[in-house]
C-alpha atoms as a PDB file:
ATOM      1  CA  MET A   1      34.995  26.801 -45.375  1.00  0.00           C
ATOM      2  CA  LYS A   2      32.084  27.713 -43.077  1.00  0.00           C
ATOM      3  CA  THR A   3      30.447  26.277 -45.264  1.00  0.00           C
ATOM      4  CA  LEU A   4      32.050  22.847 -45.757  1.00  0.00           C
ATOM      5  CA  ILE A   5      32.748  22.639 -41.945  1.00  0.00           C
ATOM      6  CA  ARG A   6      29.229  22.943 -39.941  1.00  0.00           C
ATOM      7  CA  PRO A   7      27.542  20.166 -42.365  1.00  0.00           C
ATOM      8  CA  ALA A   8      30.268  17.728 -41.573  1.00  0.00           C
ATOM      9  CA  LEU A   9      30.325  18.478 -37.660  1.00  0.00           C
ATOM     10  CA  VAL A  10      26.540  18.109 -37.665  1.00  0.00           C
ATOM     11  CA  LEU A  11      26.790  15.556 -39.869  1.00  0.00           C
ATOM     12  CA  PHE A  12      29.612  13.944 -37.461  1.00  0.00           C
ATOM     13  CA  ALA A  13      27.487  14.444 -33.872  1.00  0.00           C
ATOM     14  CA  THR A  14      24.557  13.140 -35.844  1.00  0.00           C
ATOM     15  CA  LEU A  15      25.999   9.222 -36.762  1.00  0.00           C
ATOM     16  CA  THR A  16      27.527   9.601 -33.735  1.00  0.00           C
ATOM     17  CA  VAL A  17      24.251   9.761 -32.044  1.00  0.00           C
ATOM     18  CA  VAL A  18      22.421   7.452 -34.135  1.00  0.00           C
ATOM     19  CA  THR A  19      25.208   4.971 -34.368  1.00  0.00           C
ATOM     20  CA  GLY A  20      27.060   5.759 -30.626  1.00  0.00           C
ATOM     21  CA  VAL A  21      24.340   5.646 -28.319  1.00  0.00           C
ATOM     22  CA  LEU A  22      20.709   5.198 -29.917  1.00  0.00           C
ATOM     23  CA  TYR A  23      21.489   1.871 -32.476  1.00  0.00           C
ATOM     24  CA  PRO A  24      23.565   0.058 -28.896  1.00  0.00           C
ATOM     25  CA  LEU A  25      20.725   1.031 -26.510  1.00  0.00           C
ATOM     26  CA  ALA A  26      17.696   0.133 -29.297  1.00  0.00           C
ATOM     27  CA  VAL A  27      19.686  -4.146 -29.194  1.00  0.00           C
ATOM     28  CA  THR A  28      20.531  -3.742 -26.066  1.00  0.00           C
ATOM     29  CA  GLY A  29      17.159  -3.161 -24.896  1.00  0.00           C
ATOM     30  CA  LEU A  30      15.995  -5.439 -27.416  1.00  0.00           C
ATOM     31  CA  ALA A  31      18.032  -8.791 -26.679  1.00  0.00           C
ATOM     32  CA  GLN A  32      16.728  -7.700 -22.876  1.00  0.00           C
ATOM     33  CA  LEU A  33      13.359  -8.566 -24.310  1.00  0.00           C
ATOM     34  CA  ALA A  34      13.730 -11.171 -26.660  1.00  0.00           C
ATOM     35  CA  PHE A  35      16.962 -13.253 -24.705  1.00  0.00           C
ATOM     36  CA  PRO A  36      17.418 -11.776 -21.105  1.00  0.00           C
ATOM     37  CA  SER A  37      19.150 -14.747 -20.193  1.00  0.00           C
ATOM     38  CA  GLN A  38      21.725 -15.404 -23.149  1.00  0.00           C
ATOM     39  CA  ALA A  39      22.003 -10.821 -23.103  1.00  0.00           C
ATOM     40  CA  ASN A  40      23.164 -11.036 -19.433  1.00  0.00           C
ATOM     41  CA  GLY A  41      26.246 -14.089 -20.374  1.00  0.00           C
ATOM     42  CA  SER A  42      23.983 -17.374 -19.842  1.00  0.00           C
ATOM     43  CA  LEU A  43      25.676 -17.036 -16.392  1.00  0.00           C
ATOM     44  CA  ILE A  44      24.742 -20.287 -13.953  1.00  0.00           C
ATOM     45  CA  GLU A  45      24.220 -19.451 -10.115  1.00  0.00           C
ATOM     46  CA  ARG A  46      24.228 -21.958  -7.215  1.00  0.00           C
ATOM     47  CA  ASP A  47      22.989 -21.137  -3.978  1.00  0.00           C
ATOM     48  CA  GLY A  48      23.190 -17.765  -4.691  1.00  0.00           C
ATOM     49  CA  LYS A  49      26.677 -17.674  -5.864  1.00  0.00           C
ATOM     50  CA  LEU A  50      27.843 -17.200  -9.573  1.00  0.00           C
ATOM     51  CA  VAL A  51      29.547 -20.767 -10.788  1.00  0.00           C
ATOM     52  CA  GLY A  52      30.149 -19.709 -14.019  1.00  0.00           C
ATOM     53  CA  SER A  53      28.925 -19.351 -17.513  1.00  0.00           C
ATOM     54  CA  THR A  54      26.937 -22.213 -20.098  1.00  0.00           C
ATOM     55  CA  LEU A  55      28.973 -20.597 -23.235  1.00  0.00           C
ATOM     56  CA  ILE A  56      32.967 -20.595 -21.541  1.00  0.00           C
ATOM     57  CA  GLY A  57      34.416 -23.315 -20.571  1.00  0.00           C
ATOM     58  CA  GLN A  58      36.288 -24.061 -17.205  1.00  0.00           C
ATOM     59  CA  SER A  59      38.802 -25.937 -15.802  1.00  0.00           C
ATOM     60  CA  PHE A  60      38.028 -29.628 -14.438  1.00  0.00           C
ATOM     61  CA  SER A  61      40.961 -32.125 -12.803  1.00  0.00           C
ATOM     62  CA  ASP A  62      39.310 -33.679 -10.115  1.00  0.00           C
ATOM     63  CA  PRO A  63      38.815 -37.334 -11.163  1.00  0.00           C
ATOM     64  CA  LYS A  64      35.653 -36.972  -9.930  1.00  0.00           C
ATOM     65  CA  HIS A  65      34.765 -34.386 -12.136  1.00  0.00           C
ATOM     66  CA  PHE A  66      34.520 -34.654 -16.337  1.00  0.00           C
ATOM     67  CA  TRP A  67      37.172 -32.873 -17.866  1.00  0.00           C
ATOM     68  CA  SER A  68      36.557 -30.173 -20.012  1.00  0.00           C
ATOM     69  CA  ARG A  69      39.228 -30.422 -22.868  1.00  0.00           C
ATOM     70  CA  PRO A  70      42.424 -28.696 -22.690  1.00  0.00           C
ATOM     71  CA  SER A  71      43.045 -24.600 -22.546  1.00  0.00           C
ATOM     72  CA  ALA A  72      45.587 -23.137 -24.679  1.00  0.00           C
ATOM     73  CA  THR A  73      44.665 -19.729 -22.516  1.00  0.00           C
ATOM     74  CA  GLY A  74      46.340 -20.565 -19.619  1.00  0.00           C
ATOM     75  CA  PRO A  75      48.304 -20.168 -16.748  1.00  0.00           C
ATOM     76  CA  MET A  76      45.070 -18.888 -15.807  1.00  0.00           C
ATOM     77  CA  ALA A  77      42.869 -22.254 -17.308  1.00  0.00           C
ATOM     78  CA  ASN A  78      40.454 -20.927 -20.019  1.00  0.00           C
ATOM     79  CA  ASN A  79      40.835 -16.954 -19.038  1.00  0.00           C
ATOM     80  CA  ALA A  80      38.778 -15.967 -21.623  1.00  0.00           C
ATOM     81  CA  GLY A  81      40.706 -12.238 -22.116  1.00  0.00           C
ATOM     82  CA  ALA A  82      43.092 -14.914 -23.353  1.00  0.00           C
ATOM     83  CA  SER A  83      40.994 -16.755 -25.828  1.00  0.00           C
ATOM     84  CA  SER A  84      42.684 -16.867 -28.804  1.00  0.00           C
ATOM     85  CA  GLY A  85      44.165 -21.015 -30.346  1.00  0.00           C
ATOM     86  CA  SER A  86      47.708 -22.525 -29.567  1.00  0.00           C
ATOM     87  CA  ASN A  87      48.694 -21.993 -32.888  1.00  0.00           C
ATOM     88  CA  LYS A  88      50.654 -25.113 -32.952  1.00  0.00           C
ATOM     89  CA  GLY A  89      50.615 -27.370 -36.536  1.00  0.00           C
ATOM     90  CA  PRO A  90      49.817 -30.488 -36.626  1.00  0.00           C
ATOM     91  CA  LEU A  91      53.638 -31.288 -37.595  1.00  0.00           C
ATOM     92  CA  ASN A  92      54.869 -29.190 -34.552  1.00  0.00           C
ATOM     93  CA  PRO A  93      56.791 -31.148 -31.906  1.00  0.00           C
ATOM     94  CA  ALA A  94      55.105 -28.998 -28.924  1.00  0.00           C
ATOM     95  CA  LEU A  95      52.201 -30.335 -30.228  1.00  0.00           C
ATOM     96  CA  VAL A  96      52.515 -33.968 -30.322  1.00  0.00           C
ATOM     97  CA  ASP A  97      54.477 -33.447 -26.983  1.00  0.00           C
ATOM     98  CA  ASP A  98      51.056 -32.152 -25.596  1.00  0.00           C
ATOM     99  CA  VAL A  99      49.350 -34.203 -26.741  1.00  0.00           C
ATOM    100  CA  LYS A 100      51.081 -37.201 -25.260  1.00  0.00           C
ATOM    101  CA  ALA A 101      51.649 -35.417 -22.090  1.00  0.00           C
ATOM    102  CA  ARG A 102      47.668 -35.236 -21.585  1.00  0.00           C
ATOM    103  CA  ILE A 103      46.710 -39.216 -22.909  1.00  0.00           C
ATOM    104  CA  GLU A 104      49.319 -40.182 -20.231  1.00  0.00           C
ATOM    105  CA  ALA A 105      47.446 -37.993 -17.500  1.00  0.00           C
ATOM    106  CA  LEU A 106      43.964 -39.201 -18.560  1.00  0.00           C
ATOM    107  CA  ARG A 107      45.820 -42.486 -18.448  1.00  0.00           C
ATOM    108  CA  ALA A 108      46.809 -42.392 -15.380  1.00  0.00           C
ATOM    109  CA  ALA A 109      43.756 -40.788 -14.299  1.00  0.00           C
ATOM    110  CA  ASP A 110      41.838 -44.100 -15.434  1.00  0.00           C
ATOM    111  CA  PRO A 111      43.776 -46.656 -15.920  1.00  0.00           C
ATOM    112  CA  ASP A 112      41.337 -49.030 -16.370  1.00  0.00           C
ATOM    113  CA  ASN A 113      40.152 -47.868 -19.514  1.00  0.00           C
ATOM    114  CA  SER A 114      42.333 -49.342 -22.537  1.00  0.00           C
ATOM    115  CA  ALA A 115      39.278 -47.897 -24.927  1.00  0.00           C
ATOM    116  CA  ALA A 116      41.337 -44.866 -27.944  1.00  0.00           C
ATOM    117  CA  VAL A 117      40.774 -41.653 -25.768  1.00  0.00           C
ATOM    118  CA  PRO A 118      38.687 -39.106 -27.660  1.00  0.00           C
ATOM    119  CA  ILE A 119      40.716 -36.507 -29.500  1.00  0.00           C
ATOM    120  CA  ASP A 120      38.687 -33.537 -28.002  1.00  0.00           C
ATOM    121  CA  LEU A 121      40.429 -34.378 -24.847  1.00  0.00           C
ATOM    122  CA  VAL A 122      43.581 -34.401 -26.002  1.00  0.00           C
ATOM    123  CA  THR A 123      43.350 -30.652 -28.292  1.00  0.00           C
ATOM    124  CA  ALA A 124      42.647 -27.461 -27.853  1.00  0.00           C
ATOM    125  CA  SER A 125      39.290 -25.715 -29.100  1.00  0.00           C
ATOM    126  CA  ALA A 126      39.856 -22.509 -31.466  1.00  0.00           C
ATOM    127  CA  SER A 127      39.447 -20.665 -29.132  1.00  0.00           C
ATOM    128  CA  GLY A 128      41.003 -22.329 -25.444  1.00  0.00           C
ATOM    129  CA  LEU A 129      37.329 -21.727 -23.592  1.00  0.00           C
ATOM    130  CA  ASP A 130      34.735 -23.905 -25.182  1.00  0.00           C
ATOM    131  CA  PRO A 131      32.311 -25.613 -23.329  1.00  0.00           C
ATOM    132  CA  HIS A 132      31.390 -28.365 -24.539  1.00  0.00           C
ATOM    133  CA  ILE A 133      32.729 -31.931 -24.744  1.00  0.00           C
ATOM    134  CA  SER A 134      31.871 -34.228 -27.273  1.00  0.00           C
ATOM    135  CA  ARG A 135      28.868 -37.142 -26.479  1.00  0.00           C
ATOM    136  CA  ALA A 136      32.162 -39.870 -27.234  1.00  0.00           C
ATOM    137  CA  ALA A 137      34.526 -37.682 -24.245  1.00  0.00           C
ATOM    138  CA  ALA A 138      31.779 -37.859 -22.000  1.00  0.00           C
ATOM    139  CA  ASP A 139      31.269 -41.145 -22.643  1.00  0.00           C
ATOM    140  CA  TRP A 140      34.875 -42.372 -21.872  1.00  0.00           C
ATOM    141  CA  GLN A 141      35.187 -40.493 -18.793  1.00  0.00           C
ATOM    142  CA  ALA A 142      31.805 -42.046 -17.178  1.00  0.00           C
ATOM    143  CA  PRO A 143      33.559 -45.267 -16.475  1.00  0.00           C
ATOM    144  CA  ARG A 144      35.851 -43.068 -13.934  1.00  0.00           C
ATOM    145  CA  VAL A 145      33.076 -40.357 -12.896  1.00  0.00           C
ATOM    146  CA  ALA A 146      30.853 -43.064 -11.739  1.00  0.00           C
ATOM    147  CA  ARG A 147      33.899 -45.192  -9.683  1.00  0.00           C
ATOM    148  CA  MET A 148      35.101 -42.538  -8.145  1.00  0.00           C
ATOM    149  CA  ARG A 149      31.591 -41.119  -6.629  1.00  0.00           C
ATOM    150  CA  LYS A 150      30.469 -44.834  -6.208  1.00  0.00           C
ATOM    151  CA  LEU A 151      27.702 -44.122  -8.129  1.00  0.00           C
ATOM    152  CA  PRO A 152      26.279 -47.345 -10.407  1.00  0.00           C
ATOM    153  CA  LEU A 153      27.546 -46.385 -14.125  1.00  0.00           C
ATOM    154  CA  SER A 154      23.983 -46.090 -15.941  1.00  0.00           C
ATOM    155  CA  GLN A 155      23.595 -43.587 -13.671  1.00  0.00           C
ATOM    156  CA  VAL A 156      25.693 -41.408 -14.406  1.00  0.00           C
ATOM    157  CA  GLN A 157      25.301 -42.096 -18.323  1.00  0.00           C
ATOM    158  CA  ALA A 158      21.926 -41.340 -17.773  1.00  0.00           C
ATOM    159  CA  LEU A 159      23.283 -37.468 -16.732  1.00  0.00           C
ATOM    160  CA  VAL A 160      25.317 -37.699 -19.712  1.00  0.00           C
ATOM    161  CA  GLU A 161      22.173 -38.523 -21.512  1.00  0.00           C
ATOM    162  CA  GLN A 162      20.367 -35.861 -20.168  1.00  0.00           C
ATOM    163  CA  HIS A 163      22.630 -33.229 -21.086  1.00  0.00           C
ATOM    164  CA  THR A 164      23.552 -34.636 -24.056  1.00  0.00           C
ATOM    165  CA  GLU A 165      22.520 -31.455 -27.054  1.00  0.00           C
ATOM    166  CA  ARG A 166      21.639 -32.756 -30.191  1.00  0.00           C
ATOM    167  CA  PRO A 167      22.964 -31.091 -33.035  1.00  0.00           C
ATOM    168  CA  TRP A 168      20.217 -29.281 -35.450  1.00  0.00           C
ATOM    169  CA  LEU A 169      18.887 -31.754 -37.920  1.00  0.00           C
ATOM    170  CA  PHE A 170      21.888 -32.670 -38.795  1.00  0.00           C
ATOM    171  CA  LEU A 171      24.586 -30.725 -39.001  1.00  0.00           C
ATOM    172  CA  GLY A 172      27.183 -31.360 -36.185  1.00  0.00           C
ATOM    173  CA  GLU A 173      27.662 -34.187 -33.481  1.00  0.00           C
ATOM    174  CA  PRO A 174      26.004 -34.428 -30.442  1.00  0.00           C
ATOM    175  CA  ILE A 175      27.644 -32.249 -26.923  1.00  0.00           C
ATOM    176  CA  VAL A 176      27.654 -32.313 -23.383  1.00  0.00           C
ATOM    177  CA  ASN A 177      28.116 -29.114 -21.623  1.00  0.00           C
ATOM    178  CA  VAL A 178      30.820 -29.587 -19.456  1.00  0.00           C
ATOM    179  CA  LEU A 179      30.125 -27.312 -16.109  1.00  0.00           C
ATOM    180  CA  GLN A 180      26.619 -28.706 -16.698  1.00  0.00           C
ATOM    181  CA  LEU A 181      26.645 -31.994 -15.756  1.00  0.00           C
ATOM    182  CA  ASN A 182      29.358 -31.188 -13.522  1.00  0.00           C
ATOM    183  CA  LEU A 183      26.954 -29.164 -10.852  1.00  0.00           C
ATOM    184  CA  ALA A 184      23.925 -32.015 -12.515  1.00  0.00           C
ATOM    185  CA  LEU A 185      26.600 -35.186 -10.624  1.00  0.00           C
ATOM    186  CA  ASP A 186      27.410 -32.031  -8.057  1.00  0.00           C
ATOM    187  CA  ALA A 187      24.016 -31.821  -6.998  1.00  0.00           C
ATOM    188  CA  LEU A 188      23.096 -35.811  -6.448  1.00  0.00           C
ATOM    189  CA  PRO A 189      22.965 -36.496  -2.767  1.00  0.00           C
ATOM    190  CA  ALA A 190      25.674 -37.736  -1.173  1.00  0.00           C
ATOM    191  CA  ARG A 191      27.107 -41.379  -0.995  1.00  0.00           C
END
């Protein structure tokens, strides 16, 4: 019996040290060297204050800002600890009611905009934490943001263009990081 227990304990201790200590330290050290911003959460600071991460969506409701995708992580908007989907299927009446309410809120904030509302402004992402909206969703909101900030529409559209991330090769659609776009808007001189 002792001949079996001792090698098992030695193997257990060795694997624990290798896989539980050495490997995580090596991967963390390599990540810190190669990708320090990403390894630390892609955090954004302004004036020495943490304002968010490029990887986690934030809720915006001020008409002067671009709005993010709805989040199913409530009651606290975009709560990373509650990341999950809404689990509402396309035939679920609650999903239909949610979408209708979101369309009404968008129309109320911008009654002059008669264009079709982009789908990502009324449906939550799979994780509920998506920091991006489609380029179409940003373009749809640009007139409202320009009007509320008393800026030329062309200036707001230029900011949207600057913050548009293009797909790699042909995979995907152009997207816009809402937090970064709103920070760029906030950095403009006050009018």
